[in-house]
Amino acid sequence: MTQYFVYDSYVAAGRPKAEAAVMTYAQNNYMHSLISGAKLDAVVDDIKKYCAKILEENKRFAPVDIRLSDERYEWDGHRTLHIGQQSLRLRKVKLVIE
């Protein structure tokens, strides 16, 4: 079973308010977490639902592009979850030692 570890984030300066709020949500809920490869789409959907809630609450906020990098472009086990101009960085777990 493929697992990914959310190990880092990139936060851009001067980001729009909705993007900042969504990124904060994603960091608070997913940083330093193990996520099953089968659950990555569910994580993206959860972040998108949170974004939709924020946009519904404030019609002046701009939409945020939320997407997972294509697995075909994965390099050395790294994936990126894009949140506007920002991102969470994921790395494929090589081995779990318990």
N, C-alpha and C. Protein backbone atom coordinates (compact mmCIF):
# COMPACT_ATOMS: atom_id res chain seq x y z
N MET A 1 0.85 -1.18 0.00
CA MET A 1 0.00 0.00 0.00
C MET A 1 0.89 1.24 0.00
N THR A 2 0.68 2.12 -0.95
CA THR A 2 1.44 3.35 -1.05
C THR A 2 0.93 4.36 -0.03
N GLN A 3 1.87 4.98 0.68
CA GLN A 3 1.54 6.04 1.62
C GLN A 3 2.41 7.25 1.32
N TYR A 4 1.87 8.43 1.65
CA TYR A 4 2.62 9.67 1.48
C TYR A 4 2.69 10.39 2.82
N PHE A 5 3.83 11.04 3.06
CA PHE A 5 4.01 11.84 4.26
C PHE A 5 4.02 13.31 3.84
N VAL A 6 3.19 14.12 4.48
CA VAL A 6 3.13 15.55 4.20
C VAL A 6 4.23 16.19 5.05
N TYR A 7 5.32 16.58 4.39
CA TYR A 7 6.51 16.98 5.13
C TYR A 7 6.81 18.47 5.11
N ASP A 8 6.21 19.24 4.22
CA ASP A 8 6.57 20.66 4.12
C ASP A 8 5.46 21.43 3.42
N SER A 9 5.53 22.74 3.54
CA SER A 9 4.59 23.59 2.83
C SER A 9 5.32 24.80 2.29
N TYR A 10 4.77 25.35 1.22
CA TYR A 10 5.29 26.59 0.65
C TYR A 10 4.17 27.62 0.76
N VAL A 11 4.44 28.72 1.42
CA VAL A 11 3.45 29.78 1.61
C VAL A 11 3.96 31.04 0.93
N ALA A 12 3.20 31.55 -0.02
CA ALA A 12 3.58 32.75 -0.76
C ALA A 12 3.17 34.00 0.01
N ALA A 13 3.94 35.04 -0.13
CA ALA A 13 3.61 36.33 0.49
C ALA A 13 2.53 37.03 -0.33
N GLY A 14 1.72 37.83 0.34
CA GLY A 14 0.71 38.63 -0.34
C GLY A 14 -0.38 37.81 -1.00
N ARG A 15 -0.74 36.72 -0.41
CA ARG A 15 -1.74 35.83 -1.00
C ARG A 15 -3.16 36.33 -0.74
N PRO A 16 -4.10 36.01 -1.62
CA PRO A 16 -5.50 36.40 -1.41
C PRO A 16 -6.05 35.76 -0.12
N LYS A 17 -7.06 36.39 0.46
CA LYS A 17 -7.60 35.95 1.75
C LYS A 17 -8.16 34.52 1.73
N ALA A 18 -8.89 34.18 0.68
CA ALA A 18 -9.44 32.81 0.60
C ALA A 18 -8.30 31.80 0.51
N GLU A 19 -7.31 32.10 -0.29
CA GLU A 19 -6.18 31.19 -0.44
C GLU A 19 -5.43 31.03 0.89
N ALA A 20 -5.25 32.13 1.60
CA ALA A 20 -4.58 32.07 2.91
C ALA A 20 -5.38 31.21 3.89
N ALA A 21 -6.69 31.38 3.90
CA ALA A 21 -7.54 30.61 4.82
C ALA A 21 -7.51 29.13 4.49
N VAL A 22 -7.57 28.80 3.20
CA VAL A 22 -7.56 27.40 2.77
C VAL A 22 -6.21 26.77 3.09
N MET A 23 -5.14 27.50 2.86
CA MET A 23 -3.80 26.98 3.16
C MET A 23 -3.64 26.73 4.66
N THR A 24 -4.12 27.64 5.48
CA THR A 24 -4.06 27.45 6.93
C THR A 24 -4.83 26.20 7.34
N TYR A 25 -6.01 26.01 6.77
CA TYR A 25 -6.81 24.82 7.04
C TYR A 25 -6.03 23.56 6.66
N ALA A 26 -5.44 23.56 5.46
CA ALA A 26 -4.70 22.39 4.98
C ALA A 26 -3.49 22.11 5.88
N GLN A 27 -2.78 23.14 6.27
CA GLN A 27 -1.63 22.94 7.16
C GLN A 27 -2.07 22.38 8.51
N ASN A 28 -3.10 22.96 9.09
CA ASN A 28 -3.57 22.52 10.40
C ASN A 28 -4.08 21.08 10.39
N ASN A 29 -4.63 20.64 9.27
CA ASN A 29 -5.23 19.31 9.22
C ASN A 29 -4.34 18.22 8.63
N TYR A 30 -3.35 18.60 7.82
CA TYR A 30 -2.60 17.58 7.10
C TYR A 30 -1.08 17.61 7.25
N MET A 31 -0.50 18.67 7.78
CA MET A 31 0.96 18.70 7.94
C MET A 31 1.42 17.58 8.85
N HIS A 32 2.53 16.97 8.48
CA HIS A 32 3.17 15.89 9.24
C HIS A 32 2.24 14.69 9.44
N SER A 33 1.46 14.40 8.40
CA SER A 33 0.53 13.28 8.43
C SER A 33 0.91 12.25 7.37
N LEU A 34 0.56 11.00 7.64
CA LEU A 34 0.65 9.94 6.64
C LEU A 34 -0.70 9.82 5.97
N ILE A 35 -0.69 9.79 4.65
CA ILE A 35 -1.94 9.67 3.90
C ILE A 35 -1.78 8.51 2.92
N SER A 36 -2.74 7.62 2.92
CA SER A 36 -2.75 6.51 1.97
C SER A 36 -2.90 7.08 0.56
N GLY A 37 -2.19 6.47 -0.39
CA GLY A 37 -2.31 6.92 -1.78
C GLY A 37 -3.74 6.87 -2.27
N ALA A 38 -4.52 5.91 -1.77
CA ALA A 38 -5.92 5.78 -2.15
C ALA A 38 -6.78 6.91 -1.58
N LYS A 39 -6.30 7.59 -0.56
CA LYS A 39 -7.06 8.66 0.10
C LYS A 39 -6.66 10.06 -0.35
N LEU A 40 -5.68 10.18 -1.24
CA LEU A 40 -5.23 11.50 -1.67
C LEU A 40 -6.36 12.32 -2.29
N ASP A 41 -7.17 11.67 -3.13
CA ASP A 41 -8.29 12.40 -3.75
C ASP A 41 -9.29 12.86 -2.70
N ALA A 42 -9.50 12.07 -1.65
CA ALA A 42 -10.42 12.46 -0.58
C ALA A 42 -9.88 13.68 0.18
N VAL A 43 -8.57 13.75 0.34
CA VAL A 43 -7.96 14.91 1.00
C VAL A 43 -8.17 16.16 0.14
N VAL A 44 -7.93 16.03 -1.16
CA VAL A 44 -8.14 17.15 -2.07
C VAL A 44 -9.61 17.58 -2.02
N ASP A 45 -10.53 16.63 -2.02
CA ASP A 45 -11.96 16.95 -1.95
C ASP A 45 -12.31 17.66 -0.64
N ASP A 46 -11.71 17.23 0.47
CA ASP A 46 -11.96 17.87 1.75
C ASP A 46 -11.51 19.33 1.73
N ILE A 47 -10.34 19.59 1.16
CA ILE A 47 -9.83 20.95 1.08
C ILE A 47 -10.71 21.78 0.15
N LYS A 48 -11.17 21.19 -0.95
CA LYS A 48 -12.07 21.90 -1.87
C LYS A 48 -13.40 22.24 -1.20
N LYS A 49 -13.92 21.32 -0.37
CA LYS A 49 -15.17 21.59 0.35
C LYS A 49 -15.00 22.74 1.32
N TYR A 50 -13.86 22.77 2.01
CA TYR A 50 -13.59 23.87 2.93
C TYR A 50 -13.52 25.19 2.14
N CYS A 51 -12.87 25.16 1.00
CA CYS A 51 -12.77 26.35 0.16
C CYS A 51 -14.16 26.82 -0.29
N ALA A 52 -15.00 25.89 -0.70
CA ALA A 52 -16.37 26.24 -1.13
C ALA A 52 -17.14 26.89 0.01
N LYS A 53 -16.95 26.39 1.22
CA LYS A 53 -17.62 26.96 2.39
C LYS A 53 -17.17 28.40 2.61
N ILE A 54 -15.88 28.64 2.50
CA ILE A 54 -15.34 30.00 2.69
C ILE A 54 -15.86 30.94 1.61
N LEU A 55 -15.89 30.45 0.37
CA LEU A 55 -16.37 31.29 -0.74
C LEU A 55 -17.85 31.59 -0.59
N GLU A 56 -18.61 30.65 -0.06
CA GLU A 56 -20.05 30.87 0.18
C GLU A 56 -20.27 31.92 1.26
N GLU A 57 -19.41 31.91 2.28
CA GLU A 57 -19.54 32.86 3.39
C GLU A 57 -19.13 34.27 2.99
N ASN A 58 -18.24 34.40 2.02
CA ASN A 58 -17.79 35.73 1.59
C ASN A 58 -17.69 35.76 0.07
N LYS A 59 -18.69 36.33 -0.55
CA LYS A 59 -18.80 36.36 -2.01
C LYS A 59 -17.69 37.18 -2.68
N ARG A 60 -16.98 37.99 -1.91
CA ARG A 60 -15.93 38.83 -2.48
C ARG A 60 -14.61 38.08 -2.66
N PHE A 61 -14.48 36.93 -2.03
CA PHE A 61 -13.26 36.15 -2.14
C PHE A 61 -13.14 35.54 -3.54
N ALA A 62 -11.92 35.45 -4.02
CA ALA A 62 -11.66 34.85 -5.33
C ALA A 62 -11.52 33.33 -5.18
N PRO A 63 -11.95 32.58 -6.19
CA PRO A 63 -11.80 31.13 -6.15
C PRO A 63 -10.33 30.72 -6.04
N VAL A 64 -10.10 29.53 -5.51
CA VAL A 64 -8.75 29.02 -5.31
C VAL A 64 -8.59 27.72 -6.11
N ASP A 65 -7.54 27.64 -6.90
CA ASP A 65 -7.24 26.43 -7.67
C ASP A 65 -6.59 25.42 -6.72
N ILE A 66 -7.26 24.29 -6.51
CA ILE A 66 -6.76 23.25 -5.61
C ILE A 66 -6.63 21.98 -6.43
N ARG A 67 -5.41 21.44 -6.49
CA ARG A 67 -5.19 20.24 -7.30
C ARG A 67 -3.93 19.51 -6.84
N LEU A 68 -3.92 18.24 -7.12
CA LEU A 68 -2.78 17.38 -6.81
C LEU A 68 -1.95 17.22 -8.07
N SER A 69 -0.64 17.29 -7.94
CA SER A 69 0.22 17.10 -9.12
C SER A 69 -0.02 15.72 -9.71
N ASP A 70 0.13 15.64 -11.00
CA ASP A 70 -0.08 14.39 -11.73
C ASP A 70 0.99 13.36 -11.31
N GLU A 71 0.55 12.17 -11.03
CA GLU A 71 1.47 11.11 -10.60
C GLU A 71 2.53 10.81 -11.66
N ARG A 72 2.21 11.06 -12.91
CA ARG A 72 3.18 10.83 -13.99
C ARG A 72 4.40 11.73 -13.86
N TYR A 73 4.21 12.89 -13.18
CA TYR A 73 5.31 13.85 -13.04
C TYR A 73 5.95 13.77 -11.66
N GLU A 74 5.65 12.72 -10.95
CA GLU A 74 6.26 12.50 -9.64
C GLU A 74 7.76 12.28 -9.83
N TRP A 75 8.56 12.95 -9.04
CA TRP A 75 10.01 12.75 -9.14
C TRP A 75 10.54 12.30 -7.78
N ASP A 76 11.26 11.23 -7.79
CA ASP A 76 11.88 10.69 -6.58
C ASP A 76 10.88 10.53 -5.44
N GLY A 77 9.63 10.16 -5.76
CA GLY A 77 8.62 9.94 -4.74
C GLY A 77 7.94 11.19 -4.21
N HIS A 78 8.17 12.34 -4.84
CA HIS A 78 7.56 13.60 -4.39
C HIS A 78 6.29 13.91 -5.17
N ARG A 79 5.29 14.43 -4.46
CA ARG A 79 4.06 14.94 -5.07
C ARG A 79 3.79 16.31 -4.47
N THR A 80 2.98 17.09 -5.13
CA THR A 80 2.64 18.43 -4.66
C THR A 80 1.13 18.59 -4.68
N LEU A 81 0.60 19.10 -3.58
CA LEU A 81 -0.81 19.45 -3.50
C LEU A 81 -0.86 20.98 -3.59
N HIS A 82 -1.29 21.47 -4.75
CA HIS A 82 -1.31 22.91 -5.02
C HIS A 82 -2.55 23.55 -4.43
N ILE A 83 -2.35 24.67 -3.75
CA ILE A 83 -3.45 25.46 -3.20
C ILE A 83 -3.18 26.89 -3.66
N GLY A 84 -3.73 27.23 -4.83
CA GLY A 84 -3.40 28.51 -5.44
C GLY A 84 -1.91 28.53 -5.77
N GLN A 85 -1.22 29.59 -5.31
CA GLN A 85 0.22 29.71 -5.55
C GLN A 85 1.04 28.99 -4.48
N GLN A 86 0.37 28.39 -3.52
CA GLN A 86 1.04 27.73 -2.41
C GLN A 86 0.93 26.22 -2.57
N SER A 87 1.57 25.49 -1.66
CA SER A 87 1.50 24.04 -1.80
C SER A 87 1.89 23.31 -0.53
N LEU A 88 1.40 22.08 -0.46
CA LEU A 88 1.87 21.12 0.53
C LEU A 88 2.74 20.13 -0.25
N ARG A 89 3.83 19.71 0.36
CA ARG A 89 4.74 18.78 -0.30
C ARG A 89 4.61 17.41 0.35
N LEU A 90 4.47 16.41 -0.50
CA LEU A 90 4.29 15.03 -0.04
C LEU A 90 5.44 14.17 -0.56
N ARG A 91 5.78 13.20 0.22
CA ARG A 91 6.83 12.26 -0.20
C ARG A 91 6.35 10.84 0.03
N LYS A 92 6.56 10.00 -0.97
CA LYS A 92 6.17 8.60 -0.87
C LYS A 92 6.98 7.94 0.25
N VAL A 93 6.28 7.21 1.12
CA VAL A 93 6.93 6.52 2.22
C VAL A 93 7.57 5.25 1.67
N LYS A 94 8.84 5.11 1.92
CA LYS A 94 9.59 3.98 1.41
C LYS A 94 9.41 2.75 2.29
N LEU A 95 9.39 2.97 3.61
CA LEU A 95 9.35 1.86 4.53
C LEU A 95 8.75 2.33 5.86
N VAL A 96 7.88 1.51 6.44
CA VAL A 96 7.32 1.79 7.76
C VAL A 96 7.92 0.79 8.72
N ILE A 97 8.60 1.31 9.73
CA ILE A 97 9.24 0.44 10.73
C ILE A 97 8.47 0.62 12.03
N GLU A 98 7.92 -0.47 12.54
CA GLU A 98 7.13 -0.39 13.77
C GLU A 98 7.78 -1.19 14.86
